[in-house]
């Protein structure tokens, strides 16, 4: 794990949640926060950014795999549970 990675992920999630609220996203305060006083990253910063992007990509791939496994298991469970539904019982599938 990279230094302060958890804080970076939390901050990114928080900023995204703010940006999903149009009323907040359009405020001058938020726009200034995001665009005022830009920095020029050093070579070391660029290396750090690339490492963190690579981690993000791996994390996304792991999430996709997890969701696919969970979806398959849920489908298998649905099939398994259908064996125990009494005839004539109304289910969510009809």
Protein backbone atom coordinates (compact mmCIF):
# COMPACT_ATOMS: atom_id res chain seq x y z
CA UNK A 1 0.00 0.00 0.00
CA UNK A 2 1.26 3.44 -0.88
CA UNK A 3 1.64 6.21 1.68
CA UNK A 4 -1.70 7.88 2.46
CA UNK A 5 -3.50 5.79 -0.16
CA UNK A 6 -6.57 5.37 2.04
CA UNK A 7 -6.85 9.13 2.51
CA UNK A 8 -6.48 9.70 -1.24
CA UNK A 9 -9.24 7.22 -2.00
CA UNK A 10 -11.51 8.74 0.66
CA UNK A 11 -10.89 12.28 -0.60
CA UNK A 12 -11.57 11.25 -4.18
CA UNK A 13 -14.84 9.57 -3.16
CA UNK A 14 -15.87 12.63 -1.15
CA UNK A 15 -15.11 15.01 -4.03
CA UNK A 16 -17.03 12.80 -6.45
CA UNK A 17 -20.02 12.80 -4.11
CA UNK A 18 -19.90 16.60 -4.01
CA UNK A 19 -19.69 16.78 -7.79
CA UNK A 20 -22.78 14.56 -8.15
CA UNK A 21 -24.84 17.30 -6.48
CA UNK A 22 -25.35 19.92 -9.20
CA UNK A 23 -26.13 22.65 -6.69
CA UNK A 24 -22.82 22.06 -4.88
CA UNK A 25 -20.80 21.37 -8.03
CA UNK A 26 -21.75 24.75 -9.50
CA UNK A 27 -20.57 26.79 -6.52
CA UNK A 28 -17.68 29.15 -6.99
CA UNK A 29 -16.06 27.81 -3.81
CA UNK A 30 -15.83 24.25 -5.17
CA UNK A 31 -14.77 25.38 -8.63
CA UNK A 32 -12.05 27.56 -7.09
CA UNK A 33 -10.91 24.71 -4.86
CA UNK A 34 -10.53 22.41 -7.85
CA UNK A 35 -8.93 24.87 -10.28
CA UNK A 36 -7.17 27.65 -8.36
CA UNK A 37 -3.37 27.58 -8.04
CA UNK A 38 -2.55 24.52 -10.18
CA UNK A 39 0.75 22.80 -9.52
CA UNK A 40 3.36 21.33 -11.81
CA UNK A 41 4.22 17.86 -10.59
CA UNK A 42 7.88 16.94 -10.14
CA UNK A 43 9.32 13.81 -11.73
CA UNK A 44 8.90 12.07 -8.38
CA UNK A 45 5.25 13.19 -8.26
CA UNK A 46 4.66 11.85 -11.77
CA UNK A 47 6.13 8.47 -10.77
CA UNK A 48 3.86 8.43 -7.72
CA UNK A 49 0.83 9.33 -9.84
CA UNK A 50 1.60 6.49 -12.26
CA UNK A 51 1.97 3.97 -9.40
CA UNK A 52 -1.36 5.08 -7.93
CA UNK A 53 -3.09 4.88 -11.32
CA UNK A 54 -1.78 1.34 -11.73
CA UNK A 55 -3.17 0.48 -8.28
CA UNK A 56 -6.53 1.99 -9.24
CA UNK A 57 -6.64 -0.15 -12.38
CA UNK A 58 -5.84 -3.30 -10.40
CA UNK A 59 -8.46 -2.39 -7.81
CA UNK A 60 -11.09 -1.92 -10.53
CA UNK A 61 -10.23 -5.30 -12.07
CA UNK A 62 -10.51 -6.96 -8.66
CA UNK A 63 -13.91 -5.32 -8.13
CA UNK A 64 -15.11 -6.56 -11.53
CA UNK A 65 -13.99 -10.10 -10.69
CA UNK A 66 -15.68 -9.92 -7.28
CA UNK A 67 -18.97 -8.67 -8.77
CA UNK A 68 -18.91 -11.40 -11.43
CA UNK A 69 -18.31 -14.11 -8.81
CA UNK A 70 -21.07 -12.66 -6.61
CA UNK A 71 -23.48 -12.50 -9.58
CA UNK A 72 -22.79 -16.14 -10.49
CA UNK A 73 -23.22 -17.28 -6.89
CA UNK A 74 -26.48 -15.36 -6.57
CA UNK A 75 -27.75 -17.00 -9.78
CA UNK A 76 -26.71 -20.42 -8.48
CA UNK A 77 -28.48 -19.72 -5.20
CA UNK A 78 -31.65 -18.70 -7.05
CA UNK A 79 -31.62 -22.02 -8.92
CA UNK A 80 -30.96 -23.92 -5.71
CA UNK A 81 -33.72 -22.12 -3.80
CA UNK A 82 -36.28 -22.76 -6.54
CA UNK A 83 -36.12 -26.45 -5.54
CA UNK A 84 -37.66 -25.51 -2.19
CA UNK A 85 -40.49 -23.26 -3.35
CA UNK A 86 -43.85 -24.93 -2.76
CA UNK A 87 -46.00 -25.46 -5.87
CA UNK A 88 -48.42 -22.59 -6.41
CA UNK A 89 -46.32 -20.15 -4.33
CA UNK A 90 -46.03 -16.70 -5.80
CA UNK A 91 -42.40 -15.64 -6.16
CA UNK A 92 -40.75 -12.45 -7.30
CA UNK A 93 -40.21 -14.08 -10.74
CA UNK A 94 -43.86 -14.69 -11.33
